[in-house]
């Protein structure tokens, strides 16, 4: 059973950058997906990366967010640039095909 442990996040001004990490334990290389949850809404998918590094992203984050992975470190990264106020939320990673989620990390974009 995989376990996902997230780190990163915090408070940043509009236009700033943050990087989140998702460390994946277990012997299987999962596709990892990223979600954002804002108050009163369901978690919304915005990107994922396959075990061999192929990434895709939702239109609203393309060009701003980059998903990458280092399988030697069992870590998936979410680099977020040009952050907007509406990017504020709790960010989760998930092992696709399972119900295993990271613990979530708060990202707040505010001036």
Foldseek 3Di string as FASTA:
>chain_A
DKAWAKDKADEAAAQAKIKMKIAIDDDDQFWKWKWFDDPPDDTDTAKIAGSVGDIDGDPVQPPFWDWGDDVVRSMIMIIGGNDDQVRWGWMKMDGPPDPHIYPTDTHGYHD
